[in-house]
Amino acid sequence: MCAYLSGTVSKWAGYAASLWMFVFAAMSFYWGLGGTAGLETVAIGQEFAGNSWFIAVLWLTGGLKLIGGVLALALVQSWGQLLSRRLVLVFAWAVSCLLVVHGVDFVVQGALTDDGFITSTTTGTWTATHWQTFVWGPWWLLGGLCFSLATWSYQRRTS
C-alpha cells in the first residue's frame, strides 16, 4: 500500500512538474512574440519589453523550460529509463535546486522590500514586488518542490 501511494504521488509530482514547465515555457514564448499581458507582474518585464536581448532571453528560457518539461516526464515515464540514469539525476537535481532557490529568493527579496530593508523604485499598492513575493516566488517554489519529489522518487525507484 505504501509503495503504491509513493508511486502515485511521484507520478503526480512528475506530471505536475512537467505541466508547470510547459506553462512557463508558453508564457516565455508569448512574451517573446511581443505579448504584454502579465508583463507588469514581472520586475524587469515592462522596463525591457521590446529589447532584442530581452526577447532572446525569453526565447532561450522558453526553450530551457520545454527541455525541463521533457526531463520531468523522463522521471515518470518508462522511456526515461532508456536514458543515462546519472545524467537524468544530475540535471533533475540541478533543475530542482534552481527552481527552489529562485522561488525562495523571490519571496525573501520581496519580504525584505516590504519591510523596508531593500529600497524599491516602484510605487503603488500591488507592485511587481508584491507579485514576486506572493505569486511568482511561491509558484516557482511549488514547481521546484514537485520537481524535487519526482527526482527523489526516480532516484529511489531506479537505484
Protein backbone atom coordinates (compact mmCIF):
# COMPACT_ATOMS: atom_id res chain seq x y z
CA MET A 1 0.00 0.00 0.00
CA CYS A 2 2.79 2.45 0.95
CA ALA A 3 4.73 1.65 -2.25
CA TYR A 4 1.58 2.21 -4.31
CA LEU A 5 0.95 5.62 -2.70
CA SER A 6 4.60 6.57 -3.10
CA GLY A 7 4.47 5.67 -6.79
CA THR A 8 1.20 7.53 -7.30
CA VAL A 9 2.48 10.66 -5.57
CA SER A 10 5.75 10.63 -7.50
CA LYS A 11 3.94 10.21 -10.83
CA TRP A 12 1.62 13.06 -9.92
CA ALA A 13 4.63 15.22 -8.96
CA GLY A 14 6.42 14.41 -12.21
CA TYR A 15 3.39 15.26 -14.34
CA ALA A 16 2.76 18.41 -12.30
CA ALA A 17 6.40 19.49 -12.73
CA SER A 18 6.18 18.84 -16.46
CA LEU A 19 2.95 20.79 -16.84
CA TRP A 20 4.41 23.59 -14.70
CA MET A 21 7.42 23.81 -17.04
CA PHE A 22 5.29 23.76 -20.20
CA VAL A 23 3.02 26.54 -18.88
CA PHE A 24 6.03 28.71 -18.03
CA ALA A 25 7.57 27.97 -21.44
CA ALA A 26 4.36 29.12 -23.12
CA MET A 27 4.47 32.36 -21.13
CA SER A 28 8.08 32.98 -22.19
CA PHE A 29 7.24 32.35 -25.85
CA TYR A 30 4.15 34.57 -25.61
CA TRP A 31 6.21 37.45 -24.24
CA GLY A 32 8.99 36.69 -26.74
CA LEU A 33 6.45 37.10 -29.56
CA GLY A 34 5.55 40.55 -28.22
CA GLY A 35 2.65 39.74 -25.90
CA THR A 36 2.31 42.10 -22.98
CA ALA A 37 -0.41 40.59 -20.77
CA GLY A 38 1.05 39.89 -17.35
CA LEU A 39 4.34 41.64 -18.05
CA GLU A 40 3.58 44.26 -15.40
CA THR A 41 3.82 41.50 -12.78
CA VAL A 42 7.46 40.80 -13.62
CA ALA A 43 10.05 43.09 -12.04
CA ILE A 44 12.00 43.80 -15.25
CA GLY A 45 9.26 42.93 -17.74
CA GLN A 46 7.96 46.38 -18.58
CA GLU A 47 11.36 48.02 -18.38
CA PHE A 48 12.95 45.80 -21.03
CA ALA A 49 9.96 44.71 -23.13
CA GLY A 50 10.83 45.00 -26.80
CA ASN A 51 14.62 45.00 -26.29
CA SER A 52 16.23 42.45 -28.60
CA TRP A 53 18.40 40.93 -25.86
CA PHE A 54 15.35 40.55 -23.59
CA ILE A 55 13.43 38.82 -26.38
CA ALA A 56 16.41 36.48 -26.93
CA VAL A 57 16.48 35.67 -23.20
CA LEU A 58 12.74 34.92 -23.28
CA TRP A 59 13.18 32.50 -26.20
CA LEU A 60 16.21 30.87 -24.58
CA THR A 61 14.46 30.39 -21.23
CA GLY A 62 11.33 29.17 -23.02
CA GLY A 63 13.41 26.50 -24.76
CA LEU A 64 15.09 25.51 -21.49
CA LYS A 65 11.68 25.22 -19.83
CA LEU A 66 10.50 22.92 -22.64
CA ILE A 67 13.55 20.73 -22.06
CA GLY A 68 12.79 20.80 -18.33
CA GLY A 69 9.25 19.64 -19.03
CA VAL A 70 10.54 16.69 -21.04
CA LEU A 71 13.05 15.93 -18.27
CA ALA A 72 10.20 15.87 -15.72
CA LEU A 73 8.36 13.40 -17.96
CA ALA A 74 11.50 11.26 -18.17
CA LEU A 75 11.34 10.91 -14.39
CA VAL A 76 7.93 9.19 -14.54
CA GLN A 77 7.67 7.62 -18.00
CA SER A 78 9.14 4.23 -18.89
CA TRP A 79 11.13 5.73 -21.79
CA GLY A 80 13.02 7.80 -19.20
CA GLN A 81 14.79 4.64 -18.06
CA LEU A 82 16.39 4.34 -21.51
CA LEU A 83 18.38 7.49 -20.72
CA SER A 84 21.54 7.59 -18.65
CA ARG A 85 20.38 7.44 -15.02
CA ARG A 86 23.32 9.52 -13.84
CA LEU A 87 22.73 12.24 -16.43
CA VAL A 88 18.99 12.37 -15.68
CA LEU A 89 19.68 12.66 -11.95
CA VAL A 90 22.34 15.36 -12.34
CA PHE A 91 20.08 17.52 -14.50
CA ALA A 92 16.92 16.79 -12.49
CA TRP A 93 18.54 17.70 -9.16
CA ALA A 94 20.09 20.81 -10.75
CA VAL A 95 16.69 21.93 -12.06
CA SER A 96 15.06 21.14 -8.70
CA CYS A 97 17.60 23.23 -6.81
CA LEU A 98 17.41 26.10 -9.30
CA LEU A 99 13.63 26.29 -9.07
CA VAL A 100 13.56 26.10 -5.26
CA VAL A 101 16.34 28.68 -4.83
CA HIS A 102 14.71 31.01 -7.36
CA GLY A 103 11.36 30.77 -5.58
CA VAL A 104 12.86 31.33 -2.13
CA ASP A 105 14.91 34.25 -3.50
CA PHE A 106 11.78 35.94 -4.84
CA VAL A 107 9.94 35.55 -1.54
CA VAL A 108 12.89 36.72 0.60
CA GLN A 109 13.68 39.71 -1.62
CA GLY A 110 10.03 40.71 -1.65
CA ALA A 111 9.72 40.38 2.11
CA LEU A 112 12.85 42.47 2.63
CA THR A 113 11.48 45.11 0.27
CA ASP A 114 8.11 45.16 2.03
CA ASP A 115 9.85 45.54 5.40
CA GLY A 116 11.98 48.42 4.11
CA PHE A 117 15.35 46.65 4.22
CA ILE A 118 15.63 46.94 0.43
CA THR A 119 14.55 50.08 -1.41
CA SER A 120 12.07 49.66 -4.23
CA THR A 121 11.70 52.15 -7.07
CA THR A 122 8.12 51.09 -7.78
CA THR A 123 5.10 52.70 -6.19
CA GLY A 124 1.54 51.60 -5.67
CA THR A 125 -0.25 49.05 -3.56
CA TRP A 126 0.23 45.99 -5.76
CA THR A 127 3.59 46.28 -7.50
CA ALA A 128 5.79 43.78 -9.30
CA THR A 129 7.49 43.25 -5.93
CA HIS A 130 4.21 42.08 -4.44
CA TRP A 131 3.64 39.75 -7.38
CA GLN A 132 7.16 38.44 -6.89
CA THR A 133 6.61 37.87 -3.16
CA PHE A 134 3.11 36.44 -3.08
CA VAL A 135 2.59 34.87 -6.53
CA TRP A 136 5.73 34.18 -8.55
CA GLY A 137 8.01 33.19 -5.66
CA PRO A 138 5.61 30.63 -4.18
CA TRP A 139 4.75 29.41 -7.68
CA TRP A 140 8.44 28.81 -8.52
CA LEU A 141 8.86 27.12 -5.15
CA LEU A 142 5.89 24.84 -5.85
CA GLY A 143 7.39 23.85 -9.21
CA GLY A 144 10.72 23.17 -7.53
CA LEU A 145 9.14 21.02 -4.84
CA CYS A 146 7.21 18.98 -7.43
CA PHE A 147 10.39 18.54 -9.46
CA SER A 148 12.34 17.57 -6.31
CA LEU A 149 9.75 15.00 -5.27
CA ALA A 150 9.70 13.45 -8.74
CA THR A 151 13.51 13.39 -8.84
CA TRP A 152 13.79 11.84 -5.39
CA SER A 153 11.26 9.16 -6.34
CA TYR A 154 13.06 8.44 -9.62
CA GLN A 155 16.35 8.10 -7.73
CA ARG A 156 14.86 5.64 -5.25
CA ARG A 157 12.97 3.69 -7.92
CA THR A 158 15.94 3.26 -10.24
CA SER A 159 18.69 2.52 -7.70
